[in-house]
């Protein structure tokens, strides 16, 4: 089996933009209604996370599912380059690492936490009320588990503080991955860390770096550079973030002194 390209990143961190940029050269499968996401990987991740008491918006890091995940990889594997993306993979990556026999290639995205929180908050509060009555089945074990993407409103993301707490859970997992890459040269060599703001502010340079890392020709995406640090042009979100700017997680991520005007 050729190694997969696994996109890791919290919800709303630019994973879809990244996958669309690579859509002409990487086979993402994309069997679900969610752009660039395959239901088999969504279900595998959701099953693992729910089995330990978490959900996508109550993120917890889990491990110990490498045997089940290996079945999913074997069932989906394509000619290289191929891969998958699902934000939940950031919570389950140790199992994907073991399932791929430590050969997976990782593209790890990050974005300003205020933009992520604002995007989650707007998305989840705008969902139609009719979706609240939908009951989804419990996920079964991979690789044949049903689609378990829950269309109901996220209780956690009904406020900016709640959406921020979701980012914190994923950010803790991203930080753990980066720490592991810092001491594991093999993992570091297979990983590329990408800021959303770099993708949209200089797409040509970004595409060049991506081409060099993957060894494929990548065309620069057409993007709106104003998507970077958009929170700073929204008075409500900007004022809210001032209360969070000094949080150590924000400082660790390097976003405490960054805004739209720097």
Protein backbone atom coordinates (compact mmCIF):
# COMPACT_ATOMS: atom_id res chain seq x y z
CA UNK A 1 0.00 0.00 0.00
CA UNK A 2 1.36 3.41 -0.96
CA UNK A 3 1.41 5.89 1.93
CA UNK A 4 -1.58 8.21 2.24
CA UNK A 5 -1.45 12.00 2.43
CA UNK A 6 -3.38 12.90 5.59
CA UNK A 7 -4.58 16.46 6.08
CA UNK A 8 -4.66 17.44 9.75
CA UNK A 9 -6.28 20.60 11.06
CA UNK A 10 -9.12 21.85 13.20
CA UNK A 11 -12.51 22.61 11.63
CA UNK A 12 -12.44 25.88 9.63
CA UNK A 13 -8.63 25.98 9.54
CA UNK A 14 -8.30 25.78 5.76
CA UNK A 15 -8.25 22.02 5.21
CA UNK A 16 -10.84 22.20 2.43
CA UNK A 17 -8.97 24.99 0.62
CA UNK A 18 -5.80 22.92 0.88
CA UNK A 19 -7.48 19.81 -0.55
CA UNK A 20 -9.11 21.76 -3.38
CA UNK A 21 -5.70 23.19 -4.24
CA UNK A 22 -4.44 19.61 -4.61
CA UNK A 23 -7.59 18.20 -6.22
CA UNK A 24 -6.00 17.88 -9.68
CA UNK A 25 -3.07 15.84 -8.40
CA UNK A 26 -4.32 13.98 -5.30
CA UNK A 27 -7.17 11.45 -5.19
CA UNK A 28 -9.22 12.40 -2.12
CA UNK A 29 -12.11 9.99 -2.82
CA UNK A 30 -14.67 12.54 -1.60
CA UNK A 31 -17.67 10.21 -1.44
CA UNK A 32 -19.53 12.45 1.03
CA UNK A 33 -21.43 15.66 0.54
CA UNK A 34 -18.62 17.42 2.41
CA UNK A 35 -15.99 18.69 -0.05
CA UNK A 36 -12.90 16.49 -0.24
CA UNK A 37 -14.01 14.16 2.54
CA UNK A 38 -14.67 10.43 2.26
CA UNK A 39 -17.33 8.92 4.50
CA UNK A 40 -15.21 5.90 5.40
CA UNK A 41 -12.60 8.03 7.14
CA UNK A 42 -15.20 10.28 8.75
CA UNK A 43 -16.97 7.24 10.15
CA UNK A 44 -13.75 5.60 11.35
CA UNK A 45 -12.72 8.74 13.20
CA UNK A 46 -16.17 9.39 14.64
CA UNK A 47 -16.49 5.80 15.83
CA UNK A 48 -13.15 5.98 17.62
CA UNK A 49 -13.85 9.36 19.23
CA UNK A 50 -17.41 8.50 20.30
CA UNK A 51 -16.28 5.19 21.75
CA UNK A 52 -14.16 7.21 24.21
CA UNK A 53 -16.91 9.69 25.04
CA UNK A 54 -16.07 12.56 22.69
CA UNK A 55 -17.57 14.12 19.56
CA UNK A 56 -16.22 16.48 16.92
CA UNK A 57 -17.28 19.49 19.01
CA UNK A 58 -16.20 17.91 22.32
CA UNK A 59 -12.75 17.01 21.02
CA UNK A 60 -10.64 14.49 22.87
CA UNK A 61 -7.44 12.84 21.71
CA UNK A 62 -7.69 9.07 21.32
CA UNK A 63 -5.37 6.24 20.34
CA UNK A 64 -5.36 2.45 20.17
CA UNK A 65 -7.41 2.04 16.95
CA UNK A 66 -4.61 1.17 14.55
CA UNK A 67 -6.01 -2.27 13.65
CA UNK A 68 -9.43 -0.91 12.73
CA UNK A 69 -7.90 2.03 10.87
CA UNK A 70 -5.59 -0.27 8.92
CA UNK A 71 -8.68 -2.02 7.54
CA UNK A 72 -10.03 1.33 6.41
CA UNK A 73 -6.76 2.22 4.71
CA UNK A 74 -6.60 -1.14 2.95
CA UNK A 75 -10.20 -0.79 1.75
CA UNK A 76 -9.59 2.67 0.29
CA UNK A 77 -5.95 2.68 -0.86
CA UNK A 78 -5.41 4.10 -4.35
CA UNK A 79 -2.51 4.78 -6.66
CA UNK A 80 -0.25 7.47 -5.25
CA UNK A 81 -0.78 10.31 -4.64
CA UNK A 82 -3.92 9.64 -2.63
CA UNK A 83 -5.15 10.68 0.76
CA UNK A 84 -7.96 11.90 2.95
CA UNK A 85 -8.99 14.77 5.14
CA UNK A 86 -11.31 14.98 8.10
CA UNK A 87 -10.70 17.41 10.98
CA UNK A 88 -11.26 14.55 13.44
CA UNK A 89 -8.04 12.97 12.16
CA UNK A 90 -6.14 15.52 14.23
CA UNK A 91 -7.61 13.80 17.31
CA UNK A 92 -6.87 10.26 16.10
CA UNK A 93 -3.59 10.70 14.20
CA UNK A 94 -1.51 8.33 16.41
CA UNK A 95 -3.67 5.45 15.23
CA UNK A 96 -3.42 6.50 11.56
CA UNK A 97 0.35 6.76 12.03
CA UNK A 98 0.52 3.18 13.29
CA UNK A 99 -1.99 1.93 10.71
CA UNK A 100 0.17 3.32 7.90
CA UNK A 101 3.28 1.68 9.38
CA UNK A 102 4.70 5.15 10.02
CA UNK A 103 4.75 6.10 6.35
CA UNK A 104 1.85 8.59 6.11
CA UNK A 105 2.56 12.09 4.82
CA UNK A 106 0.97 14.89 6.86
CA UNK A 107 -0.19 18.35 5.85
CA UNK A 108 -0.98 20.20 9.07
CA UNK A 109 -3.00 23.41 8.91
CA UNK A 110 -3.50 26.18 11.44
CA UNK A 111 -5.42 29.46 11.44
CA UNK A 112 -6.01 32.38 13.77
CA UNK A 113 -8.25 31.10 16.60
CA UNK A 114 -10.57 34.12 16.37
CA UNK A 115 -11.28 33.37 12.71
CA UNK A 116 -11.88 29.69 13.50
CA UNK A 117 -14.19 30.49 16.43
CA UNK A 118 -16.11 33.08 14.42
CA UNK A 119 -16.51 30.74 11.45
CA UNK A 120 -17.74 27.87 13.63
CA UNK A 121 -20.10 30.16 15.54
CA UNK A 122 -21.64 31.61 12.37
CA UNK A 123 -21.95 28.23 10.67
CA UNK A 124 -23.56 26.45 13.59
CA UNK A 125 -25.97 29.26 14.57
CA UNK A 126 -27.16 29.57 10.97
CA UNK A 127 -28.20 25.93 10.58
CA UNK A 128 -31.90 25.42 10.02
CA UNK A 129 -33.89 24.59 13.11
CA UNK A 130 -35.48 21.65 11.29
CA UNK A 131 -32.17 19.83 11.50
CA UNK A 132 -32.36 19.78 15.29
CA UNK A 133 -34.86 16.92 15.22
CA UNK A 134 -32.67 14.62 13.13
CA UNK A 135 -31.44 11.54 15.00
CA UNK A 136 -28.32 9.94 13.63
CA UNK A 137 -27.49 6.23 14.12
CA UNK A 138 -24.73 5.16 16.47
CA UNK A 139 -21.54 4.55 14.52
CA UNK A 140 -20.38 0.99 14.01
CA UNK A 141 -16.79 -0.17 13.72
CA UNK A 142 -14.84 0.67 10.53
CA UNK A 143 -14.46 0.14 7.68
CA UNK A 144 -18.15 -0.58 6.99
CA UNK A 145 -19.66 1.86 9.49
CA UNK A 146 -22.45 4.21 8.32
CA UNK A 147 -22.03 7.91 7.74
CA UNK A 148 -22.13 9.57 11.13
CA UNK A 149 -21.79 13.25 10.28
CA UNK A 150 -24.29 14.85 12.63
CA UNK A 151 -26.19 17.69 10.89
CA UNK A 152 -27.66 18.95 14.16
CA UNK A 153 -26.57 22.25 15.59
CA UNK A 154 -23.48 22.07 17.74
CA UNK A 155 -24.34 23.02 21.31
CA UNK A 156 -20.75 24.02 21.94
CA UNK A 157 -20.63 26.47 19.04
CA UNK A 158 -23.68 28.54 19.91
CA UNK A 159 -21.38 31.15 21.45
CA UNK A 160 -17.94 32.48 20.54
CA UNK A 161 -16.56 31.18 23.82
CA UNK A 162 -17.96 27.74 23.09
CA UNK A 163 -16.55 27.71 19.56
CA UNK A 164 -13.21 28.83 20.97
CA UNK A 165 -13.27 25.86 23.36
CA UNK A 166 -13.63 23.58 20.33
CA UNK A 167 -10.52 25.18 18.81
CA UNK A 168 -8.67 24.62 22.08
CA UNK A 169 -9.31 20.88 21.90
CA UNK A 170 -7.97 20.61 18.37
CA UNK A 171 -5.10 22.99 19.08
CA UNK A 172 -3.95 20.77 21.95
CA UNK A 173 -3.82 17.86 19.51
CA UNK A 174 -1.97 19.93 16.90
CA UNK A 175 0.57 21.02 19.50
CA UNK A 176 1.11 17.42 20.53
CA UNK A 177 1.73 16.46 16.91
CA UNK A 178 4.25 19.27 16.51
CA UNK A 179 6.03 18.21 19.70
CA UNK A 180 6.27 14.64 18.42
CA UNK A 181 7.64 15.88 15.10
CA UNK A 182 10.19 17.89 17.04
CA UNK A 183 11.75 14.75 18.51
CA UNK A 184 11.00 12.25 15.71
CA UNK A 185 13.04 13.07 12.60
CA UNK A 186 11.15 10.52 10.53
CA UNK A 187 7.81 12.12 11.38
CA UNK A 188 9.22 15.62 10.82
CA UNK A 189 10.45 14.67 7.34
CA UNK A 190 6.95 13.51 6.42
CA UNK A 191 5.18 16.61 7.76
CA UNK A 192 4.49 20.07 6.39
CA UNK A 193 3.02 22.77 8.64
CA UNK A 194 0.83 25.30 6.86
CA UNK A 195 -0.73 28.55 8.05
CA UNK A 196 -4.03 29.47 6.44
CA UNK A 197 -2.88 33.07 6.29
CA UNK A 198 0.12 32.08 4.15
CA UNK A 199 -2.14 30.16 1.78
CA UNK A 200 -4.31 33.18 1.05
CA UNK A 201 -1.77 36.01 1.30
CA UNK A 202 0.84 34.51 -1.05
CA UNK A 203 -0.74 31.57 -2.92
CA UNK A 204 2.05 31.37 -5.50
CA UNK A 205 4.76 30.90 -2.88
CA UNK A 206 2.50 28.49 -0.98
CA UNK A 207 1.93 26.37 -4.11
CA UNK A 208 5.67 26.29 -4.73
CA UNK A 209 6.42 25.03 -1.24
CA UNK A 210 3.68 22.43 -1.53
CA UNK A 211 5.01 21.26 -4.90
CA UNK A 212 8.52 20.87 -3.50
CA UNK A 213 7.34 18.96 -0.45
CA UNK A 214 5.08 16.51 -2.30
CA UNK A 215 7.07 16.25 -5.53
CA UNK A 216 4.08 17.11 -7.71
CA UNK A 217 3.12 20.20 -9.71
CA UNK A 218 0.63 22.31 -7.77
CA UNK A 219 -1.13 25.34 -9.21
CA UNK A 220 -1.67 28.36 -7.00
CA UNK A 221 -5.26 28.60 -5.72
CA UNK A 222 -7.49 31.57 -6.51
CA UNK A 223 -8.22 33.02 -3.10
CA UNK A 224 -9.37 36.22 -1.45
CA UNK A 225 -6.50 37.56 0.67
CA UNK A 226 -8.99 39.35 2.93
CA UNK A 227 -9.92 35.96 4.38
CA UNK A 228 -6.76 36.23 6.47
CA UNK A 229 -7.44 37.78 9.89
CA UNK A 230 -11.01 38.58 8.90
CA UNK A 231 -12.02 38.73 12.57
CA UNK A 232 -10.27 42.09 12.90
CA UNK A 233 -12.79 43.65 10.53
CA UNK A 234 -15.70 42.46 12.67
CA UNK A 235 -16.18 44.66 15.73
CA UNK A 236 -18.00 42.03 17.80
CA UNK A 237 -15.47 39.28 17.17
CA UNK A 238 -12.50 41.62 17.50
CA UNK A 239 -13.72 42.88 20.86
CA UNK A 240 -14.34 39.33 22.03
CA UNK A 241 -10.83 38.24 21.03
CA UNK A 242 -9.21 40.94 23.14
CA UNK A 243 -10.31 38.92 26.18
CA UNK A 244 -8.58 35.85 24.76
CA UNK A 245 -5.44 37.39 23.29
CA UNK A 246 -3.40 36.68 26.42
CA UNK A 247 -4.40 33.01 26.72
CA UNK A 248 -1.29 30.85 26.77
CA UNK A 249 -2.65 28.62 23.98
CA UNK A 250 -2.99 31.68 21.72
CA UNK A 251 0.51 32.82 22.67
CA UNK A 252 1.94 29.34 22.04
CA UNK A 253 0.33 29.32 18.59
CA UNK A 254 1.95 32.70 17.86
CA UNK A 255 -1.27 34.57 17.21
CA UNK A 256 -1.35 36.88 20.22
CA UNK A 257 0.35 39.77 18.42
CA UNK A 258 -1.10 39.11 14.97
CA UNK A 259 -4.07 40.94 13.47
CA UNK A 260 -5.21 42.11 10.09
CA UNK A 261 -3.05 45.21 10.13
CA UNK A 262 0.36 43.69 10.91
